[in-house]
Amino acid sequence: MSDLPDTDYTQRFLFDDRDVRGEMVGLERSYAEVLAKHPYPQPVAQLLGELMAAAALLVGTLKFDGLLILQAKSAGPVSLLTVECTSEREIRGLARYDEAMVSDDATLSGLMPEGSLVFSVFPTEGQRYQGIVDLDGDNLSDCFTTYFNMSQQINTHISLKADGLRARGLLVQQLPADRQKDSEEREESWNHVTALAKTLKTEELLGLDNETVLHRLYHEDAVRLFDIHPMHFRCSCSRERSGNALVSLGEHDALVLVDEHGGAIEVDCQFCNQRYLFDANDVTQLFAGGGVDTPSDTRH
């Protein structure tokens, strides 16, 4: 195992003499937790890992309190990818796919042809933000890089890799003019940073610790590596949320559903496979304002 500072983290770095910042992410335990919930084929597991790394990078880069959701859809073998990451760096992910259509050597264009990805930021306070990425690049790294460079007009380079065991990401982004005022100098500096970033090999990003990666790329530059921010898997599902879903049906329809399902409704979490059971007494208690914390005594 590589000598990483922790298995799950984001870590910021900054160039002392250039207007460039960066972020790195590593996911192992949380990635393993997500993959343990569903038997994903390797190409799907890799794609989901890359999207998890992207979410972690964005949460580390954006300044907000709340929830980030990345959701990709297509009419191809992978119909849905969803990753949710909170500003507290709690992450979960899910993929929907047709296993018969997934080949071992499938690429992004083969898995999600003509797909699109929506990323939404739900801040605790303030307005929701939403952006759309066309999945028309060779890989997710290219798609996210293009989005920032074209839609946000922020010079950005992103590299995302996953192999079913670990997911890693690297982001470098140009800052407003401060240390480098001259436009030609800024352009030359940015080209220098990105040209070196593009030389990073998959096995290096997946296998080397952050300090070694940065030394490998930028040993001639003064780069400061800041403290890590731990990340972990956490599913936000709960019995209370499942009960709220039943409330949206209305009491009559919920009781009919209980009867149609042999006396109990099963509400499953798609992310973690947790199953919540509600019988007629639970439903009646729920609509009477009794909540969902205490399961019915009739449950076996």
Protein backbone atom coordinates (compact mmCIF):
# COMPACT_ATOMS: atom_id res chain seq x y z
CA MET A 1 0.00 0.00 0.00
CA SER A 2 1.24 3.49 -0.81
CA ASP A 3 2.41 5.71 2.01
CA LEU A 4 -0.53 8.12 1.87
CA PRO A 5 -1.14 10.61 4.70
CA ASP A 6 -4.58 9.01 5.11
CA THR A 7 -6.70 6.78 2.92
CA ASP A 8 -9.45 9.36 2.43
CA TYR A 9 -8.71 13.08 2.25
CA THR A 10 -8.45 16.26 0.28
CA GLN A 11 -5.30 18.36 0.47
CA ARG A 12 -4.66 21.83 -0.87
CA PHE A 13 -1.36 23.16 -2.26
CA LEU A 14 -0.23 26.58 -3.39
CA PHE A 15 2.58 27.90 -5.60
CA ASP A 16 4.50 30.61 -3.74
CA ASP A 17 5.72 32.39 -6.88
CA ARG A 18 2.82 31.78 -9.26
CA ASP A 19 -0.86 32.65 -9.26
CA VAL A 20 -1.86 28.99 -9.14
CA ARG A 21 -3.47 26.83 -6.51
CA GLY A 22 -4.16 23.12 -6.44
CA GLU A 23 -6.09 20.37 -4.73
CA MET A 24 -5.49 16.64 -4.44
CA VAL A 25 -7.88 13.93 -3.32
CA GLY A 26 -7.49 10.29 -2.35
CA LEU A 27 -10.32 7.86 -1.64
CA GLU A 28 -9.92 4.27 -0.51
CA ARG A 29 -12.18 3.35 2.44
CA SER A 30 -15.10 5.45 1.24
CA TYR A 31 -14.64 4.16 -2.32
CA ALA A 32 -14.59 0.58 -1.00
CA GLU A 33 -17.77 1.26 1.01
CA VAL A 34 -19.57 2.43 -2.13
CA LEU A 35 -18.39 -0.54 -4.21
CA ALA A 36 -19.32 -2.99 -1.44
CA LYS A 37 -22.99 -2.00 -1.76
CA HIS A 38 -23.30 -3.09 -5.42
CA PRO A 39 -21.32 -5.58 -7.60
CA TYR A 40 -20.23 -3.10 -10.27
CA PRO A 41 -18.30 -4.27 -13.36
CA GLN A 42 -14.77 -2.88 -13.39
CA PRO A 43 -15.36 -0.15 -16.04
CA VAL A 44 -18.39 1.10 -14.10
CA ALA A 45 -16.51 0.98 -10.80
CA GLN A 46 -13.69 3.02 -12.34
CA LEU A 47 -16.06 5.61 -13.77
CA LEU A 48 -17.91 5.95 -10.47
CA GLY A 49 -14.60 6.30 -8.62
CA GLU A 50 -13.50 9.09 -10.95
CA LEU A 51 -16.78 10.93 -10.37
CA MET A 52 -16.34 10.53 -6.61
CA ALA A 53 -12.85 12.02 -6.89
CA ALA A 54 -14.27 14.90 -8.94
CA ALA A 55 -16.91 15.62 -6.29
CA ALA A 56 -14.28 15.63 -3.56
CA LEU A 57 -12.08 18.02 -5.57
CA LEU A 58 -14.98 20.40 -6.16
CA VAL A 59 -15.98 20.39 -2.49
CA GLY A 60 -12.37 21.12 -1.61
CA THR A 61 -12.24 23.97 -4.12
CA LEU A 62 -15.66 25.59 -3.66
CA LYS A 63 -16.32 27.67 -0.56
CA PHE A 64 -19.79 26.73 0.66
CA ASP A 65 -21.67 24.94 3.41
CA GLY A 66 -24.17 22.42 2.12
CA LEU A 67 -24.42 19.62 -0.41
CA LEU A 68 -22.88 19.01 -3.85
CA ILE A 69 -24.60 16.53 -6.18
CA LEU A 70 -23.08 15.26 -9.43
CA GLN A 71 -25.55 13.36 -11.60
CA ALA A 72 -24.71 11.98 -15.04
CA LYS A 73 -27.31 10.46 -17.35
CA SER A 74 -27.19 8.75 -20.73
CA ALA A 75 -29.12 6.31 -22.91
CA GLY A 76 -26.07 4.03 -23.03
CA PRO A 77 -24.94 1.04 -20.92
CA VAL A 78 -24.55 3.31 -17.87
CA SER A 79 -27.83 5.16 -17.53
CA LEU A 80 -27.04 6.96 -14.29
CA LEU A 81 -24.12 7.99 -12.10
CA THR A 82 -24.82 9.92 -8.92
CA VAL A 83 -22.36 11.18 -6.31
CA GLU A 84 -23.29 13.30 -3.32
CA CYS A 85 -20.69 15.06 -1.18
CA THR A 86 -21.30 17.43 1.70
CA SER A 87 -19.14 20.38 2.73
CA GLU A 88 -18.28 18.20 5.75
CA ARG A 89 -16.71 15.82 3.21
CA GLU A 90 -19.20 13.01 3.65
CA ILE A 91 -19.56 11.16 0.35
CA ARG A 92 -21.73 8.47 -1.22
CA GLY A 93 -22.24 7.25 -4.80
CA LEU A 94 -24.39 5.07 -7.03
CA ALA A 95 -24.44 3.75 -10.61
CA ARG A 96 -27.23 2.27 -12.71
CA TYR A 97 -26.15 0.14 -15.67
CA ASP A 98 -27.04 -2.67 -18.05
CA GLU A 99 -24.44 -5.34 -17.34
CA ALA A 100 -25.04 -7.11 -20.65
CA MET A 101 -23.97 -3.95 -22.50
CA VAL A 102 -20.80 -3.22 -20.48
CA SER A 103 -17.61 -4.49 -22.13
CA ASP A 104 -14.36 -4.89 -20.21
CA ASP A 105 -12.57 -2.24 -22.30
CA ALA A 106 -15.45 0.28 -22.39
CA THR A 107 -14.55 3.97 -22.40
CA LEU A 108 -16.62 6.96 -21.32
CA SER A 109 -18.08 7.40 -24.81
CA GLY A 110 -18.98 3.71 -24.91
CA LEU A 111 -20.52 3.67 -21.43
CA MET A 112 -22.37 6.99 -21.60
CA PRO A 113 -22.77 8.05 -25.26
CA GLU A 114 -24.23 11.54 -25.71
CA GLY A 115 -24.48 11.81 -21.95
CA SER A 116 -24.60 14.91 -19.82
CA LEU A 117 -23.71 15.66 -16.24
CA VAL A 118 -25.46 18.13 -13.98
CA PHE A 119 -23.73 19.35 -10.86
CA SER A 120 -25.84 21.12 -8.30
CA VAL A 121 -24.77 22.99 -5.19
CA PHE A 122 -27.35 23.22 -2.41
CA PRO A 123 -25.95 25.70 0.13
CA THR A 124 -27.28 25.72 3.67
CA GLU A 125 -27.98 29.40 3.09
CA GLY A 126 -28.34 31.23 -0.20
CA GLN A 127 -29.32 30.26 -3.70
CA ARG A 128 -28.87 26.90 -5.37
CA TYR A 129 -26.31 26.77 -8.21
CA GLN A 130 -26.43 24.39 -11.16
CA GLY A 131 -24.07 23.72 -14.06
CA ILE A 132 -24.17 21.26 -16.97
CA VAL A 133 -21.28 19.30 -18.49
CA ASP A 134 -21.59 17.46 -21.81
CA LEU A 135 -19.87 14.09 -21.58
CA ASP A 136 -18.24 14.51 -24.97
CA GLY A 137 -14.60 14.28 -23.89
CA ASP A 138 -12.36 11.22 -23.95
CA ASN A 139 -12.78 10.89 -20.18
CA LEU A 140 -14.29 12.65 -17.17
CA SER A 141 -11.07 14.60 -16.60
CA ASP A 142 -11.41 16.26 -20.01
CA CYS A 143 -15.11 16.98 -19.48
CA PHE A 144 -14.57 18.78 -16.18
CA THR A 145 -11.51 20.63 -17.46
CA THR A 146 -13.45 21.86 -20.50
CA TYR A 147 -16.35 23.00 -18.34
CA PHE A 148 -14.18 25.19 -16.11
CA ASN A 149 -12.17 26.61 -18.99
CA MET A 150 -15.15 27.35 -21.26
CA SER A 151 -18.21 27.84 -19.06
CA GLN A 152 -16.58 29.31 -15.96
CA GLN A 153 -13.66 30.92 -17.83
CA ILE A 154 -11.25 29.81 -15.12
CA ASN A 155 -8.04 28.21 -16.34
CA THR A 156 -8.21 24.73 -14.80
CA HIS A 157 -6.64 21.33 -15.31
CA ILE A 158 -8.18 18.22 -13.72
CA SER A 159 -6.90 14.65 -13.69
CA LEU A 160 -9.11 11.84 -12.33
CA LYS A 161 -8.14 8.18 -11.95
CA ALA A 162 -9.65 5.10 -10.29
CA ASP A 163 -8.89 1.39 -10.45
CA GLY A 164 -11.52 -0.25 -8.25
CA LEU A 165 -9.28 -0.02 -5.17
CA ARG A 166 -8.55 3.68 -4.94
CA ALA A 167 -9.72 6.88 -6.58
CA ARG A 168 -7.43 9.87 -6.91
CA GLY A 169 -7.69 13.35 -8.35
CA LEU A 170 -5.48 16.35 -9.07
CA LEU A 171 -6.69 19.88 -9.78
CA VAL A 172 -4.64 22.96 -10.61
CA GLN A 173 -6.35 26.30 -11.14
CA GLN A 174 -5.16 29.77 -12.03
CA LEU A 175 -5.81 32.51 -9.48
CA PRO A 176 -6.48 36.21 -10.16
CA ALA A 177 -3.37 38.29 -10.93
CA ASP A 178 -1.35 38.94 -7.78
CA ARG A 179 2.21 37.70 -7.90
CA GLN A 180 2.28 37.84 -11.69
CA LYS A 181 0.74 40.99 -13.18
CA ASP A 182 1.99 40.71 -16.76
CA SER A 183 -0.44 38.80 -19.02
CA GLU A 184 2.30 37.09 -21.03
CA GLU A 185 4.07 36.02 -17.87
CA ARG A 186 0.80 34.64 -16.49
CA GLU A 187 0.13 32.68 -19.67
CA GLU A 188 3.64 31.28 -19.74
CA SER A 189 3.39 30.34 -16.07
CA TRP A 190 0.06 28.59 -16.56
CA ASN A 191 1.34 26.68 -19.58
CA HIS A 192 4.32 25.56 -17.50
CA VAL A 193 2.10 24.24 -14.69
CA THR A 194 -0.33 22.40 -16.97
CA ALA A 195 2.32 20.96 -19.27
CA LEU A 196 3.96 19.29 -16.28
CA ALA A 197 0.61 18.16 -14.84
CA LYS A 198 -0.16 16.37 -18.11
CA THR A 199 3.01 14.26 -17.74
CA LEU A 200 1.65 12.59 -14.59
CA LYS A 201 1.09 8.90 -15.26
CA THR A 202 -1.89 6.92 -14.02
CA GLU A 203 0.23 4.65 -11.83
CA GLU A 204 1.93 7.69 -10.29
CA LEU A 205 -1.31 9.44 -9.35
CA LEU A 206 -2.79 6.22 -7.97
CA GLY A 207 0.31 4.96 -6.20
CA LEU A 208 2.39 7.89 -4.92
CA ASP A 209 1.77 10.10 -1.90
CA ASN A 210 0.96 13.75 -2.51
CA GLU A 211 4.34 15.14 -1.54
CA THR A 212 6.08 12.76 -3.94
CA VAL A 213 3.64 13.60 -6.75
CA LEU A 214 4.23 17.33 -6.34
CA HIS A 215 8.00 16.85 -6.17
CA ARG A 216 7.82 14.67 -9.28
CA LEU A 217 5.97 17.44 -11.14
CA TYR A 218 7.19 20.70 -9.63
CA HIS A 219 10.53 20.12 -7.91
CA GLU A 220 11.84 23.37 -9.44
CA ASP A 221 8.95 25.39 -7.98
CA ALA A 222 8.21 26.52 -4.44
CA VAL A 223 5.02 24.63 -3.55
CA ARG A 224 3.35 24.63 -0.13
CA LEU A 225 1.29 21.59 0.82
CA PHE A 226 -1.37 22.29 3.46
CA ASP A 227 -2.95 19.98 6.04
CA ILE A 228 -5.29 17.24 4.90
CA HIS A 229 -9.07 17.35 5.32
CA PRO A 230 -10.37 13.83 6.05
CA MET A 231 -13.22 12.40 3.98
CA HIS A 232 -15.49 9.46 4.74
CA PHE A 233 -18.43 7.52 3.41
CA ARG A 234 -21.77 8.32 4.97
CA CYS A 235 -25.23 7.62 3.65
CA SER A 236 -27.80 10.23 4.59
CA CYS A 237 -30.73 7.83 4.48
CA SER A 238 -32.77 7.32 7.64
CA ARG A 239 -36.05 5.89 8.84
CA GLU A 240 -37.31 9.44 9.25
CA ARG A 241 -36.57 10.33 5.62
CA SER A 242 -38.23 7.14 4.45
CA GLY A 243 -41.27 8.03 6.54
CA ASN A 244 -41.36 11.48 4.94
CA ALA A 245 -41.50 9.80 1.53
CA LEU A 246 -44.59 7.90 2.68
CA VAL A 247 -46.18 11.12 3.97
CA SER A 248 -45.92 12.54 0.46
CA LEU A 249 -48.21 9.71 -0.73
CA GLY A 250 -51.03 10.57 1.67
CA GLU A 251 -52.37 8.32 4.43
CA HIS A 252 -55.00 6.52 2.33
CA ASP A 253 -52.59 5.63 -0.49
CA ALA A 254 -49.88 4.60 1.99
CA LEU A 255 -52.27 2.21 3.78
CA VAL A 256 -53.42 0.79 0.44
CA LEU A 257 -49.79 0.20 -0.45
CA VAL A 258 -49.23 -1.60 2.86
CA ASP A 259 -52.16 -3.89 2.11
CA GLU A 260 -50.99 -4.54 -1.46
CA HIS A 261 -47.54 -5.55 -0.16
CA GLY A 262 -48.78 -8.10 2.33
CA GLY A 263 -48.87 -5.94 5.43
CA ALA A 264 -45.63 -3.97 5.23
CA ILE A 265 -43.97 -1.50 2.88
CA GLU A 266 -40.25 -1.83 2.25
CA VAL A 267 -38.47 1.45 1.56
CA ASP A 268 -34.96 0.73 0.25
CA CYS A 269 -32.05 3.15 0.04
CA GLN A 270 -30.53 2.88 -3.43
CA PHE A 271 -27.15 4.06 -2.18
CA CYS A 272 -26.49 1.73 0.75
CA ASN A 273 -29.21 -0.96 0.41
CA GLN A 274 -30.54 -0.20 3.89
CA ARG A 275 -34.15 -1.37 4.14
CA TYR A 276 -36.83 0.32 6.24
CA LEU A 277 -40.11 -1.48 6.96
CA PHE A 278 -43.44 0.23 7.67
CA ASP A 279 -46.63 -1.66 8.58
CA ALA A 280 -50.16 -0.27 8.99
CA ASN A 281 -49.55 0.72 12.63
CA ASP A 282 -46.38 2.58 11.61
CA VAL A 283 -48.25 4.45 8.88
CA THR A 284 -51.10 5.38 11.21
CA GLN A 285 -48.60 6.54 13.85
CA LEU A 286 -46.75 8.55 11.22
CA PHE A 287 -49.82 10.45 10.06
CA ALA A 288 -50.97 10.96 13.65
CA GLY A 289 -47.77 12.91 14.26
CA GLY A 290 -46.11 10.15 16.27
CA GLY A 291 -43.00 10.09 14.14
CA VAL A 292 -41.04 7.04 13.01
CA ASP A 293 -38.47 6.57 15.75
CA THR A 294 -40.33 3.71 17.46
CA PRO A 295 -41.16 0.78 15.15
CA SER A 296 -44.51 -0.91 15.56
CA ASP A 297 -44.76 -3.73 18.14
CA THR A 298 -46.38 -5.87 15.44
CA ARG A 299 -43.14 -6.01 13.45
CA HIS A 300 -41.26 -9.31 13.38
